[in-house]
């Protein structure tokens, strides 16, 4: 099984900085912005983006975690992690621009589950999607608004994202 690195730690930092600038351009009124990361690594990335956006705008941007486990359409198949708590920032999501953050966009099913989970929490003004990697192979009509790297891949390949906070190492690899 071979692995090739497609993003190093410094590449990830630079990519997140670009995504943060894109989000600020798309939502110039940062007081209306809420970032919700999909655990595990999407939550880490949402926290990093919050810090970066604050450094750009000078305003704190609330972020939280949106667990989608119980909203998935493939629960019968098993293999999923134990649900984690959903953490909604103070002020909630009603009438806010919510940016869902995840590490890899693949079939679109996790994002569909996130949309269901989000509507169970409230009614945002708008929902946007930011992902570190878009690997293609969509099964649902879902497209990210902010993409760090488009990485076309074969179905038998895996994209692994490892982040310092969760894995003690920082890179994105294609594993075949």
Protein backbone atom coordinates (compact mmCIF):
# COMPACT_ATOMS: atom_id res chain seq x y z
CA UNK A 1 0.00 0.00 0.00
CA UNK A 2 1.62 3.23 -1.15
CA UNK A 3 1.04 6.72 0.17
CA UNK A 4 1.98 9.99 -1.43
CA UNK A 5 1.84 13.32 0.32
CA UNK A 6 -0.16 15.97 -1.55
CA UNK A 7 -0.21 18.68 1.14
CA UNK A 8 2.41 19.29 3.81
CA UNK A 9 1.82 21.18 7.03
CA UNK A 10 2.90 24.48 5.49
CA UNK A 11 0.64 23.79 2.47
CA UNK A 12 -2.30 23.24 4.81
CA UNK A 13 -1.56 26.52 6.64
CA UNK A 14 -1.36 28.45 3.37
CA UNK A 15 -4.54 26.78 2.08
CA UNK A 16 -6.50 27.62 5.23
CA UNK A 17 -5.31 31.22 5.06
CA UNK A 18 -6.65 31.44 1.49
CA UNK A 19 -9.98 29.88 2.49
CA UNK A 20 -10.25 32.36 5.39
CA UNK A 21 -9.78 35.27 2.98
CA UNK A 22 -12.40 33.78 0.62
CA UNK A 23 -14.89 33.48 3.48
CA UNK A 24 -14.27 37.11 4.51
CA UNK A 25 -14.84 38.23 0.91
CA UNK A 26 -18.06 36.20 0.68
CA UNK A 27 -19.36 37.33 4.10
CA UNK A 28 -17.88 40.78 4.75
CA UNK A 29 -20.03 41.32 7.86
CA UNK A 30 -18.12 38.93 10.15
CA UNK A 31 -20.60 39.50 13.00
CA UNK A 32 -23.07 37.41 10.98
CA UNK A 33 -20.65 34.50 10.59
CA UNK A 34 -20.62 31.19 12.49
CA UNK A 35 -18.27 28.31 11.69
CA UNK A 36 -19.41 24.76 12.45
CA UNK A 37 -16.88 21.98 12.05
CA UNK A 38 -17.85 18.38 11.41
CA UNK A 39 -15.92 16.22 13.90
CA UNK A 40 -13.24 15.23 14.07
CA UNK A 41 -10.90 17.06 11.75
CA UNK A 42 -13.52 19.47 10.39
CA UNK A 43 -13.93 20.76 13.94
CA UNK A 44 -10.17 21.35 14.21
CA UNK A 45 -10.16 23.16 10.86
CA UNK A 46 -13.14 25.33 11.92
CA UNK A 47 -11.19 26.42 15.00
CA UNK A 48 -8.17 27.31 12.89
CA UNK A 49 -10.30 29.22 10.38
CA UNK A 50 -11.94 31.15 13.22
CA UNK A 51 -8.52 32.33 14.41
CA UNK A 52 -7.45 33.25 10.87
CA UNK A 53 -10.65 35.16 10.13
CA UNK A 54 -10.30 37.06 13.39
CA UNK A 55 -6.74 38.01 12.42
CA UNK A 56 -8.08 39.38 9.12
CA UNK A 57 -11.18 41.20 10.39
CA UNK A 58 -10.22 42.03 13.97
CA UNK A 59 -13.51 40.49 15.15
CA UNK A 60 -13.94 37.17 16.93
CA UNK A 61 -15.80 34.60 14.85
CA UNK A 62 -17.72 32.00 16.86
CA UNK A 63 -17.17 28.38 16.01
CA UNK A 64 -18.56 25.09 17.21
CA UNK A 65 -18.88 21.40 16.42
CA UNK A 66 -21.76 19.83 14.52
CA UNK A 67 -21.98 16.07 15.06
CA UNK A 68 -23.83 14.41 12.20
CA UNK A 69 -23.64 10.77 13.28
CA UNK A 70 -27.34 10.30 14.06
CA UNK A 71 -28.37 12.10 10.86
CA UNK A 72 -26.45 9.78 8.52
CA UNK A 73 -28.38 7.65 6.03
CA UNK A 74 -26.00 4.71 6.38
CA UNK A 75 -26.22 3.96 10.12
CA UNK A 76 -27.33 0.38 9.41
CA UNK A 77 -23.99 -0.37 7.76
CA UNK A 78 -22.08 0.29 10.98
CA UNK A 79 -18.48 1.37 11.14
CA UNK A 80 -19.25 4.82 12.51
CA UNK A 81 -17.80 6.45 15.54
CA UNK A 82 -19.64 7.16 18.75
CA UNK A 83 -21.59 10.41 18.53
CA UNK A 84 -19.77 13.46 19.87
CA UNK A 85 -21.53 16.41 21.43
CA UNK A 86 -22.71 19.17 19.17
CA UNK A 87 -21.42 22.50 20.44
CA UNK A 88 -23.31 25.56 19.24
CA UNK A 89 -21.60 28.90 19.89
CA UNK A 90 -23.27 31.49 22.11
CA UNK A 91 -25.78 33.40 20.02
CA UNK A 92 -26.86 30.29 18.12
CA UNK A 93 -27.22 29.99 14.37
CA UNK A 94 -30.56 31.67 13.66
CA UNK A 95 -30.23 34.30 10.91
CA UNK A 96 -26.45 33.76 10.77
CA UNK A 97 -24.33 32.71 7.81
CA UNK A 98 -23.18 29.24 8.84
CA UNK A 99 -20.08 27.83 7.22
CA UNK A 100 -19.89 24.06 7.55
CA UNK A 101 -16.25 22.94 7.65
CA UNK A 102 -14.98 19.44 6.85
CA UNK A 103 -11.68 17.90 5.90
CA UNK A 104 -12.64 15.84 2.81
CA UNK A 105 -15.66 16.10 0.53
CA UNK A 106 -16.37 12.78 -1.14
CA UNK A 107 -19.88 11.42 -1.81
CA UNK A 108 -21.69 14.37 -0.23
CA UNK A 109 -23.56 12.18 2.26
CA UNK A 110 -21.83 13.65 5.32
CA UNK A 111 -22.73 17.16 4.17
CA UNK A 112 -26.35 16.08 3.61
CA UNK A 113 -26.41 14.74 7.18
CA UNK A 114 -24.87 18.03 8.37
CA UNK A 115 -27.63 20.01 6.69
CA UNK A 116 -30.23 17.88 8.48
CA UNK A 117 -28.40 18.32 11.80
CA UNK A 118 -28.20 22.07 11.21
CA UNK A 119 -31.93 22.43 10.58
CA UNK A 120 -32.58 20.60 13.86
CA UNK A 121 -30.66 23.41 15.62
CA UNK A 122 -32.23 26.45 14.02
CA UNK A 123 -32.69 28.45 10.85
CA UNK A 124 -29.57 30.09 9.48
CA UNK A 125 -29.76 32.95 6.98
CA UNK A 126 -27.47 30.99 4.63
CA UNK A 127 -25.27 27.91 4.70
CA UNK A 128 -21.90 27.63 2.99
CA UNK A 129 -19.44 24.74 2.80
CA UNK A 130 -15.66 24.89 3.19
CA UNK A 131 -13.50 21.78 2.73
CA UNK A 132 -9.77 21.22 2.79
CA UNK A 133 -9.93 18.59 0.01
CA UNK A 134 -12.56 17.82 -2.63
CA UNK A 135 -11.86 14.37 -4.05
CA UNK A 136 -14.87 14.12 -6.36
CA UNK A 137 -17.17 11.07 -6.74
CA UNK A 138 -20.30 12.90 -5.60
CA UNK A 139 -23.45 10.84 -5.07
CA UNK A 140 -25.56 13.88 -4.21
CA UNK A 141 -25.77 17.33 -5.84
CA UNK A 142 -23.53 19.03 -3.30
CA UNK A 143 -20.70 21.45 -4.08
CA UNK A 144 -18.34 23.24 -1.73
CA UNK A 145 -18.19 27.04 -1.77
CA UNK A 146 -14.57 27.08 -0.57
CA UNK A 147 -12.14 24.31 -1.55
CA UNK A 148 -8.55 24.07 -0.42
CA UNK A 149 -7.47 21.51 -3.01
CA UNK A 150 -9.34 19.65 -5.73
CA UNK A 151 -7.85 16.19 -5.72
CA UNK A 152 -9.39 13.84 -8.27
CA UNK A 153 -8.96 10.30 -6.98
CA UNK A 154 -9.79 6.72 -7.85
CA UNK A 155 -12.54 5.02 -5.88
CA UNK A 156 -10.06 2.51 -4.48
CA UNK A 157 -7.82 5.27 -3.10
CA UNK A 158 -8.21 6.88 0.31
CA UNK A 159 -7.49 10.48 1.19
CA UNK A 160 -6.09 10.77 4.71
CA UNK A 161 -5.91 14.09 6.51
CA UNK A 162 -3.74 14.18 9.59
CA UNK A 163 -3.61 17.28 11.77
CA UNK A 164 -1.29 18.15 14.63
CA UNK A 165 -4.14 18.48 17.15
CA UNK A 166 -5.57 15.01 16.50
CA UNK A 167 -2.71 12.99 15.04
CA UNK A 168 0.55 14.66 16.11
CA UNK A 169 1.53 15.07 12.46
CA UNK A 170 0.33 17.37 9.68
CA UNK A 171 -0.27 16.33 6.06
CA UNK A 172 -2.75 15.11 3.47
CA UNK A 173 -1.94 11.86 1.70
CA UNK A 174 -3.40 9.74 -1.07
CA UNK A 175 -3.23 6.10 -0.05
CA UNK A 176 -3.61 3.44 -2.73
